Protein backbone atom coordinates (compact mmCIF):
# COMPACT_ATOMS: atom_id res chain seq x y z
CA MET A 1 90.83 144.34 109.15
CA ARG A 2 89.52 143.06 112.48
CA ASN A 3 88.19 139.88 110.77
CA LEU A 4 91.58 139.32 109.14
CA TRP A 5 93.31 139.64 112.54
CA LEU A 6 90.78 137.24 114.11
CA ALA A 7 91.32 134.71 111.30
CA PHE A 8 95.08 134.97 111.79
CA CYS A 9 94.73 134.32 115.56
CA VAL A 10 92.49 131.29 114.97
CA LEU A 11 94.95 129.92 112.41
CA ALA A 12 97.92 130.47 114.76
CA VAL A 13 96.19 128.75 117.69
CA SER A 14 95.06 125.79 115.55
CA THR A 15 98.57 125.44 114.10
CA LEU A 16 100.10 125.43 117.58
CA GLY A 17 97.57 122.81 118.66
CA ALA A 18 98.42 120.63 115.67
CA GLN A 19 102.15 120.95 116.41
CA GLU A 20 101.56 120.08 120.06
CA LYS A 21 99.54 117.00 119.05
CA SER A 22 102.30 115.77 116.75
CA THR A 23 104.97 115.92 119.48
CA ALA A 24 103.01 114.05 122.17
CA PRO A 25 103.44 110.26 122.25
CA VAL A 26 100.64 108.35 120.50
CA THR A 27 99.33 105.19 122.16
CA LEU A 28 99.18 102.52 119.45
CA ILE A 29 98.61 99.51 121.72
CA THR A 30 96.07 100.27 124.43
CA ALA A 31 95.27 98.74 127.81
CA ASP A 32 92.17 97.22 126.14
CA ASP A 33 94.43 95.42 123.66
CA LEU A 34 96.63 94.09 126.46
CA ASN A 35 93.59 92.97 128.49
CA TYR A 36 92.19 91.18 125.41
CA TRP A 37 95.45 89.32 124.86
CA ASP A 38 95.81 88.45 128.56
CA LYS A 39 92.23 87.16 128.80
CA THR A 40 92.58 85.19 125.57
CA GLU A 41 95.87 83.71 126.73
CA LYS A 42 94.24 82.52 129.97
CA ASN A 43 91.30 81.04 128.04
CA LEU A 44 93.66 78.94 125.92
CA LYS A 45 94.66 77.02 129.04
CA THR A 46 97.86 76.08 127.29
CA ARG A 47 101.00 75.57 129.32
CA GLY A 48 104.52 76.12 128.21
CA GLY A 49 105.42 77.27 124.75
CA ALA A 50 108.47 78.88 123.27
CA ASN A 51 109.76 82.25 124.37
CA ALA A 52 109.20 85.20 122.09
CA PRO A 53 111.86 85.72 119.44
CA THR A 54 113.94 88.44 121.05
CA PRO A 55 116.51 90.23 118.92
CA ALA A 56 119.78 91.37 120.41
CA PRO A 57 120.24 95.10 120.96
CA GLY A 58 121.32 96.64 117.67
CA ASP A 59 120.01 93.83 115.46
CA PRO A 60 118.62 95.38 112.28
CA LEU A 61 114.87 95.45 111.78
CA GLN A 62 113.76 92.61 109.48
CA VAL A 63 110.91 93.58 107.14
CA GLU A 64 109.22 90.69 105.34
CA SER A 65 107.20 91.28 102.19
CA ILE A 66 103.85 89.47 102.31
CA GLU A 67 102.44 90.97 99.10
CA ALA A 68 104.22 93.03 96.44
CA ASN A 69 101.82 93.90 93.62
CA GLY A 70 101.42 97.55 94.53
CA PRO A 71 103.46 100.38 96.03
CA ALA A 72 106.90 99.75 97.48
CA ILE A 73 106.90 99.96 101.29
CA LYS A 74 110.13 101.10 102.94
CA VAL A 75 110.50 101.20 106.72
CA VAL A 76 112.78 104.14 107.46
CA ALA A 77 112.45 104.04 111.27
CA PRO A 78 112.99 102.23 113.49
CA LYS A 79 116.18 100.74 112.14
CA THR A 80 116.59 98.13 114.87
CA ALA A 81 114.29 95.30 115.97
CA MET A 82 114.65 96.07 119.69
CA VAL A 83 113.35 99.50 120.59
CA ASN A 84 112.68 101.74 123.56
CA THR A 85 109.33 103.44 123.78
CA PRO A 86 108.28 105.93 122.62
CA VAL A 87 109.69 105.08 119.21
CA GLU A 88 109.56 106.90 115.88
CA LEU A 89 107.67 105.00 113.17
CA ASN A 90 108.43 106.21 109.66
CA VAL A 91 107.29 104.27 106.58
CA GLN A 92 107.55 105.52 103.00
CA PHE A 93 105.34 104.47 100.06
CA GLU A 94 106.49 104.62 96.45
CA CYS A 95 104.39 103.70 93.43
CA HIS A 96 106.13 102.03 90.51
CA ASP A 97 103.91 103.03 87.60
CA GLY A 98 103.11 106.65 88.37
CA SER A 99 99.81 105.89 90.11
CA LEU A 100 99.13 107.34 93.53
CA VAL A 101 98.80 105.60 96.89
CA ASP A 102 95.28 105.52 98.27
CA PRO A 103 95.74 106.67 101.91
CA ASN A 104 92.32 105.21 102.76
CA SER A 105 93.57 101.74 101.80
CA VAL A 106 96.16 101.64 104.59
CA LYS A 107 95.52 98.92 107.16
CA VAL A 108 97.72 98.22 110.19
CA THR A 109 97.30 95.24 112.50
CA VAL A 110 99.35 94.03 115.43
CA LYS A 111 99.67 90.61 117.06
CA LYS A 112 101.26 89.76 120.39
CA TRP A 113 103.56 86.83 121.07
CA ILE A 114 101.50 84.31 123.07
CA PHE A 115 103.03 80.93 123.89
CA ASP A 116 104.65 79.85 120.64
CA ASP A 117 103.33 82.22 117.99
CA PHE A 118 102.04 85.69 117.20
CA ARG A 119 98.31 85.55 117.81
CA PHE A 120 95.04 87.46 117.93
CA GLY A 121 95.52 90.41 115.62
CA ARG A 122 94.17 93.80 116.65
CA ASP A 123 93.37 96.43 114.04
CA ILE A 124 95.11 99.69 114.97
CA THR A 125 94.48 101.47 111.67
CA ASP A 126 92.30 104.18 113.22
CA ARG A 127 95.08 105.04 115.70
CA VAL A 128 97.57 105.41 112.85
CA ARG A 129 95.23 107.12 110.34
CA PRO A 130 96.02 110.74 111.45
CA TYR A 131 99.67 110.09 110.52
CA VAL A 132 99.01 108.58 107.06
CA SER A 133 99.69 110.50 103.85
CA PRO A 134 99.98 109.44 100.20
CA THR A 135 103.75 109.24 100.70
CA GLY A 136 103.79 107.17 103.90
CA ILE A 137 103.17 107.00 107.62
CA HIS A 138 105.06 109.06 110.16
CA VAL A 139 104.36 108.74 113.88
CA PRO A 140 107.05 110.83 115.61
CA GLN A 141 106.49 109.15 119.00
CA ALA A 142 104.61 105.87 119.21
CA ASP A 143 104.01 104.72 122.77
CA LEU A 144 104.08 100.91 122.95
CA PRO A 145 104.00 98.66 126.02
CA ALA A 146 106.89 96.30 126.67
CA GLY A 147 106.55 93.03 124.78
CA THR A 148 107.16 91.41 121.42
CA TYR A 149 104.75 92.32 118.63
CA GLN A 150 104.28 91.55 114.96
CA PHE A 151 102.99 94.46 112.89
CA ALA A 152 101.43 94.00 109.46
CA LEU A 153 100.94 96.92 107.08
CA HIS A 154 98.92 96.80 103.86
CA VAL A 155 98.51 99.58 101.29
CA SER A 156 97.08 99.87 97.77
CA ASP A 157 97.45 102.35 94.98
CA LYS A 158 94.58 104.04 93.15
CA ALA A 159 94.62 101.15 90.63
CA GLN A 160 93.85 98.73 93.51
CA LYS A 161 97.29 97.04 93.37
CA GLY A 162 98.25 96.10 96.91
CA SER A 163 101.41 95.52 98.90
CA GLY A 164 102.07 94.41 102.43
CA VAL A 165 104.89 93.91 104.87
CA GLN A 166 105.26 92.54 108.35
CA LEU A 167 107.90 93.16 110.96
CA VAL A 168 108.61 92.17 114.55
CA LEU A 169 109.42 94.74 117.23
CA ALA A 170 110.68 93.84 120.68
CA VAL A 171 109.73 96.77 122.90
CA ILE A 172 111.66 97.29 126.10
CA ALA A 173 110.67 99.49 129.04
CA LYS A 174 110.57 103.26 128.77
CA HIS A 175 113.75 105.07 129.51
């Protein structure tokens, strides 16, 4: 009986810890990423360039398909292209032919607007991995620094059919 009570206590504490982890903001773009982009931008020694494409508040999020042989990818949240941080990221996967999504196939990269284009992709898959399931990705609170970023998401099913999307988020200061 004592062992059962001990097991229950351990389970309760670990469950509370998991719930606490899921409600804290998750840093998806780190200071190292920003330093890399800043240093690279200075090394380009390019002057000028176009401003980042900045959507108006309330503009719907535009999701562009870059590959569509595998699972359907639906971005549920955010709904708008300009967001405050932290922001909920919710993406759903749906297989067409009854096969299953391979959660290990998920790859997420992000590029920052530098001069006149999105440049210098950073792989943030490991930061997102704890929030990946066979049905999608759900990060309740993603902490992102202010700026304009292009995210690319790739996923495959168990039959190795892949799909990918990209989207642009303009992140404004925390509120």
